[in-house]
Amino acid sequence: MKCIVAGHEDATETEFAELALGTPVELWLGVEGESDEERAARLDAARDILADPEYGNLPDDLIRLAARVVDDHPDLFNVVPLDRPARRRPARRGVAA
């Protein structure tokens, strides 16, 4: 199935998200290995975008995008409960007299 956003056809899920949001996904999710300074700058830029009236409906867009991901990829959310190991009780030691 082709996904077209604002007249552009996406090639990957990441590209779809970028087209839908109008910003790179990394701006919101970060990148592996970013420094504290890079993270602070990224979050500052994200706050500026959210404060811009043009992006006033971005939270709603994010919710719609998340709902679409859940619909398109339900296998990502197949949660399987894990068996819990039996609790081990500490061995009781006798009191030395």
N, C-alpha and C. Protein backbone atom coordinates (compact mmCIF):
# COMPACT_ATOMS: atom_id res chain seq x y z
N MET A 1 0.84 -1.18 0.00
CA MET A 1 0.00 0.00 0.00
C MET A 1 0.88 1.24 0.00
N LYS A 2 0.58 2.18 -0.86
CA LYS A 2 1.35 3.42 -0.92
C LYS A 2 0.80 4.41 0.10
N CYS A 3 1.70 5.12 0.74
CA CYS A 3 1.32 6.18 1.66
C CYS A 3 1.73 7.51 1.04
N ILE A 4 0.76 8.38 0.87
CA ILE A 4 1.04 9.69 0.29
C ILE A 4 0.67 10.75 1.32
N VAL A 5 1.63 11.62 1.62
CA VAL A 5 1.43 12.69 2.58
C VAL A 5 1.81 13.99 1.87
N ALA A 6 0.87 14.91 1.85
CA ALA A 6 1.09 16.22 1.24
C ALA A 6 1.65 16.11 -0.17
N GLY A 7 1.15 15.15 -0.93
CA GLY A 7 1.58 14.99 -2.32
C GLY A 7 2.89 14.27 -2.51
N HIS A 8 3.51 13.80 -1.43
CA HIS A 8 4.78 13.08 -1.51
C HIS A 8 4.55 11.62 -1.15
N GLU A 9 5.18 10.73 -1.91
CA GLU A 9 5.08 9.31 -1.61
C GLU A 9 6.26 8.91 -0.73
N ASP A 10 5.97 8.23 0.37
CA ASP A 10 7.04 7.84 1.28
C ASP A 10 7.65 6.52 0.82
N ALA A 11 8.90 6.30 1.22
CA ALA A 11 9.59 5.07 0.89
C ALA A 11 9.73 4.17 2.11
N THR A 12 9.80 4.76 3.28
CA THR A 12 9.97 4.00 4.52
C THR A 12 9.04 4.54 5.59
N GLU A 13 8.92 3.81 6.70
CA GLU A 13 8.09 4.29 7.81
C GLU A 13 8.65 5.59 8.38
N THR A 14 9.98 5.69 8.44
CA THR A 14 10.60 6.91 8.95
C THR A 14 10.28 8.09 8.05
N GLU A 15 10.37 7.86 6.75
CA GLU A 15 10.05 8.93 5.82
C GLU A 15 8.59 9.33 5.93
N PHE A 16 7.70 8.36 6.14
CA PHE A 16 6.28 8.67 6.34
C PHE A 16 6.11 9.57 7.56
N ALA A 17 6.77 9.21 8.66
CA ALA A 17 6.66 10.01 9.88
C ALA A 17 7.19 11.41 9.66
N GLU A 18 8.31 11.54 8.96
CA GLU A 18 8.87 12.86 8.70
C GLU A 18 7.93 13.70 7.83
N LEU A 19 7.33 13.07 6.81
CA LEU A 19 6.39 13.79 5.96
C LEU A 19 5.14 14.19 6.75
N ALA A 20 4.65 13.28 7.58
CA ALA A 20 3.43 13.56 8.35
C ALA A 20 3.66 14.64 9.40
N LEU A 21 4.82 14.61 10.04
CA LEU A 21 5.10 15.57 11.12
C LEU A 21 5.69 16.87 10.61
N GLY A 22 6.35 16.80 9.47
CA GLY A 22 7.02 17.98 8.95
C GLY A 22 8.34 18.26 9.63
N THR A 23 8.82 17.31 10.41
CA THR A 23 10.11 17.43 11.09
C THR A 23 10.78 16.07 11.08
N PRO A 24 12.09 16.03 11.23
CA PRO A 24 12.78 14.74 11.30
C PRO A 24 12.39 14.00 12.59
N VAL A 25 12.25 12.71 12.50
CA VAL A 25 11.87 11.89 13.66
C VAL A 25 12.92 12.03 14.77
N GLU A 26 14.18 12.16 14.38
CA GLU A 26 15.25 12.25 15.37
C GLU A 26 15.09 13.45 16.30
N LEU A 27 14.40 14.49 15.81
CA LEU A 27 14.18 15.66 16.66
C LEU A 27 13.38 15.28 17.90
N TRP A 28 12.45 14.37 17.76
CA TRP A 28 11.58 13.98 18.87
C TRP A 28 12.13 12.79 19.64
N LEU A 29 12.83 11.89 18.95
CA LEU A 29 13.30 10.66 19.60
C LEU A 29 14.76 10.70 20.01
N GLY A 30 15.51 11.61 19.41
CA GLY A 30 16.94 11.66 19.70
C GLY A 30 17.69 10.62 18.89
N VAL A 31 18.98 10.59 19.07
CA VAL A 31 19.82 9.62 18.39
C VAL A 31 20.72 8.95 19.41
N GLU A 32 21.10 7.74 19.11
CA GLU A 32 21.96 7.00 20.02
C GLU A 32 23.30 7.70 20.16
N GLY A 33 23.74 7.83 21.38
CA GLY A 33 25.05 8.41 21.64
C GLY A 33 25.09 9.92 21.68
N GLU A 34 23.93 10.58 21.69
CA GLU A 34 23.98 12.05 21.72
C GLU A 34 24.45 12.51 23.09
N SER A 35 25.19 13.60 23.09
CA SER A 35 25.72 14.15 24.34
C SER A 35 24.62 14.90 25.08
N ASP A 36 24.88 15.25 26.32
CA ASP A 36 23.92 16.03 27.10
C ASP A 36 23.66 17.38 26.43
N GLU A 37 24.72 17.97 25.87
CA GLU A 37 24.59 19.26 25.19
C GLU A 37 23.73 19.12 23.93
N GLU A 38 23.96 18.06 23.16
CA GLU A 38 23.16 17.82 21.95
C GLU A 38 21.69 17.57 22.31
N ARG A 39 21.48 16.80 23.38
CA ARG A 39 20.11 16.51 23.83
C ARG A 39 19.40 17.80 24.24
N ALA A 40 20.09 18.65 24.99
CA ALA A 40 19.50 19.91 25.43
C ALA A 40 19.15 20.79 24.22
N ALA A 41 20.03 20.84 23.23
CA ALA A 41 19.76 21.64 22.03
C ALA A 41 18.58 21.07 21.26
N ARG A 42 18.51 19.74 21.16
CA ARG A 42 17.40 19.09 20.45
C ARG A 42 16.07 19.37 21.14
N LEU A 43 16.04 19.24 22.45
CA LEU A 43 14.80 19.49 23.20
C LEU A 43 14.40 20.96 23.13
N ASP A 44 15.39 21.86 23.12
CA ASP A 44 15.11 23.28 22.98
C ASP A 44 14.47 23.57 21.62
N ALA A 45 15.01 22.95 20.57
CA ALA A 45 14.44 23.12 19.23
C ALA A 45 13.02 22.55 19.18
N ALA A 46 12.80 21.43 19.81
CA ALA A 46 11.46 20.83 19.83
C ALA A 46 10.46 21.75 20.55
N ARG A 47 10.90 22.35 21.66
CA ARG A 47 10.02 23.29 22.38
C ARG A 47 9.67 24.49 21.51
N ASP A 48 10.66 24.98 20.75
CA ASP A 48 10.41 26.11 19.85
C ASP A 48 9.37 25.73 18.80
N ILE A 49 9.48 24.52 18.26
CA ILE A 49 8.52 24.07 17.25
C ILE A 49 7.13 23.96 17.85
N LEU A 50 7.02 23.40 19.03
CA LEU A 50 5.71 23.25 19.67
C LEU A 50 5.09 24.60 20.01
N ALA A 51 5.93 25.62 20.25
CA ALA A 51 5.42 26.95 20.57
C ALA A 51 4.99 27.72 19.32
N ASP A 52 5.42 27.28 18.15
CA ASP A 52 5.09 27.94 16.88
C ASP A 52 3.62 27.67 16.56
N PRO A 53 2.83 28.73 16.28
CA PRO A 53 1.41 28.54 15.98
C PRO A 53 1.17 27.61 14.77
N GLU A 54 2.12 27.55 13.84
CA GLU A 54 1.97 26.67 12.68
C GLU A 54 1.87 25.21 13.10
N TYR A 55 2.51 24.86 14.21
CA TYR A 55 2.51 23.48 14.70
C TYR A 55 1.56 23.31 15.87
N GLY A 56 0.57 24.17 15.99
CA GLY A 56 -0.35 24.11 17.11
C GLY A 56 -1.09 22.79 17.24
N ASN A 57 -1.29 22.08 16.12
CA ASN A 57 -2.01 20.81 16.18
C ASN A 57 -1.07 19.61 16.12
N LEU A 58 0.23 19.84 16.36
CA LEU A 58 1.19 18.74 16.30
C LEU A 58 0.87 17.62 17.28
N PRO A 59 0.49 17.89 18.54
CA PRO A 59 0.15 16.77 19.42
C PRO A 59 -0.96 15.89 18.85
N ASP A 60 -1.97 16.49 18.23
CA ASP A 60 -3.03 15.69 17.62
C ASP A 60 -2.48 14.88 16.45
N ASP A 61 -1.58 15.48 15.67
CA ASP A 61 -0.97 14.77 14.56
C ASP A 61 -0.16 13.58 15.06
N LEU A 62 0.54 13.77 16.17
CA LEU A 62 1.33 12.67 16.74
C LEU A 62 0.44 11.52 17.20
N ILE A 63 -0.69 11.86 17.80
CA ILE A 63 -1.62 10.83 18.25
C ILE A 63 -2.17 10.05 17.06
N ARG A 64 -2.53 10.77 15.98
CA ARG A 64 -3.02 10.09 14.78
C ARG A 64 -1.94 9.20 14.17
N LEU A 65 -0.70 9.70 14.16
CA LEU A 65 0.39 8.91 13.62
C LEU A 65 0.62 7.66 14.45
N ALA A 66 0.61 7.80 15.77
CA ALA A 66 0.79 6.64 16.65
C ALA A 66 -0.33 5.63 16.44
N ALA A 67 -1.56 6.11 16.29
CA ALA A 67 -2.69 5.20 16.06
C ALA A 67 -2.52 4.47 14.74
N ARG A 68 -2.01 5.17 13.73
CA ARG A 68 -1.79 4.51 12.43
C ARG A 68 -0.71 3.43 12.54
N VAL A 69 0.35 3.72 13.28
CA VAL A 69 1.41 2.72 13.47
C VAL A 69 0.84 1.48 14.15
N VAL A 70 0.01 1.68 15.16
CA VAL A 70 -0.60 0.54 15.86
C VAL A 70 -1.48 -0.25 14.90
N ASP A 71 -2.26 0.44 14.08
CA ASP A 71 -3.12 -0.25 13.11
C ASP A 71 -2.31 -0.99 12.04
N ASP A 72 -1.27 -0.35 11.53
CA ASP A 72 -0.49 -0.94 10.44
C ASP A 72 0.47 -2.02 10.90
N HIS A 73 0.91 -1.96 12.16
CA HIS A 73 1.91 -2.91 12.66
C HIS A 73 1.49 -3.48 14.02
N PRO A 74 0.37 -4.18 14.10
CA PRO A 74 -0.07 -4.69 15.40
C PRO A 74 0.91 -5.70 15.99
N ASP A 75 1.72 -6.33 15.15
CA ASP A 75 2.69 -7.31 15.64
C ASP A 75 3.75 -6.66 16.54
N LEU A 76 3.95 -5.35 16.42
CA LEU A 76 4.90 -4.67 17.29
C LEU A 76 4.42 -4.66 18.74
N PHE A 77 3.14 -4.86 18.92
CA PHE A 77 2.57 -4.75 20.26
C PHE A 77 2.07 -6.07 20.81
N ASN A 78 2.55 -7.17 20.25
CA ASN A 78 2.21 -8.49 20.79
C ASN A 78 3.04 -8.70 22.05
N VAL A 79 2.42 -8.46 23.16
CA VAL A 79 3.11 -8.58 24.44
C VAL A 79 2.81 -9.96 25.01
N VAL A 80 3.85 -10.66 25.36
CA VAL A 80 3.71 -12.00 25.90
C VAL A 80 4.15 -11.96 27.36
N PRO A 81 3.26 -12.38 28.26
CA PRO A 81 3.67 -12.37 29.66
C PRO A 81 4.77 -13.40 29.90
N LEU A 82 5.71 -13.03 30.71
CA LEU A 82 6.81 -13.93 31.05
C LEU A 82 6.50 -14.59 32.38
N ASP A 83 6.92 -15.83 32.51
CA ASP A 83 6.76 -16.52 33.78
C ASP A 83 7.69 -15.90 34.80
N ARG A 84 7.14 -15.66 35.97
CA ARG A 84 7.97 -15.11 37.04
C ARG A 84 8.63 -16.26 37.77
N PRO A 85 9.90 -16.13 38.02
CA PRO A 85 10.56 -17.20 38.78
C PRO A 85 10.03 -17.20 40.21
N ALA A 86 10.01 -18.38 40.79
CA ALA A 86 9.53 -18.49 42.17
C ALA A 86 10.46 -17.68 43.07
N ARG A 87 9.85 -17.00 44.02
CA ARG A 87 10.65 -16.21 44.96
C ARG A 87 11.44 -17.14 45.85
N ARG A 88 12.67 -16.82 46.00
CA ARG A 88 13.51 -17.61 46.90
C ARG A 88 13.51 -16.96 48.26
N ARG A 89 13.29 -17.77 49.23
CA ARG A 89 13.34 -17.25 50.60
C ARG A 89 14.76 -17.41 51.11
N PRO A 90 15.23 -16.38 51.79
CA PRO A 90 16.60 -16.52 52.32
C PRO A 90 16.64 -17.63 53.37
N ALA A 91 17.73 -18.33 53.37
CA ALA A 91 17.88 -19.43 54.33
C ALA A 91 17.94 -18.85 55.73
N ARG A 92 17.22 -19.47 56.63
CA ARG A 92 17.25 -19.01 58.03
C ARG A 92 18.42 -19.67 58.73
N ARG A 93 19.12 -18.85 59.41
CA ARG A 93 20.25 -19.38 60.14
C ARG A 93 19.93 -19.36 61.63
N GLY A 94 20.31 -20.37 62.28
CA GLY A 94 20.06 -20.44 63.72
C GLY A 94 20.90 -19.42 64.45
N VAL A 95 20.42 -19.01 65.58
CA VAL A 95 21.13 -18.04 66.40
C VAL A 95 22.12 -18.79 67.26
N ALA A 96 23.36 -18.38 67.17
CA ALA A 96 24.41 -19.05 67.97
C ALA A 96 24.26 -18.65 69.43
N ALA A 97 24.39 -19.62 70.29
CA ALA A 97 24.24 -19.35 71.71
C ALA A 97 25.52 -19.17 72.39
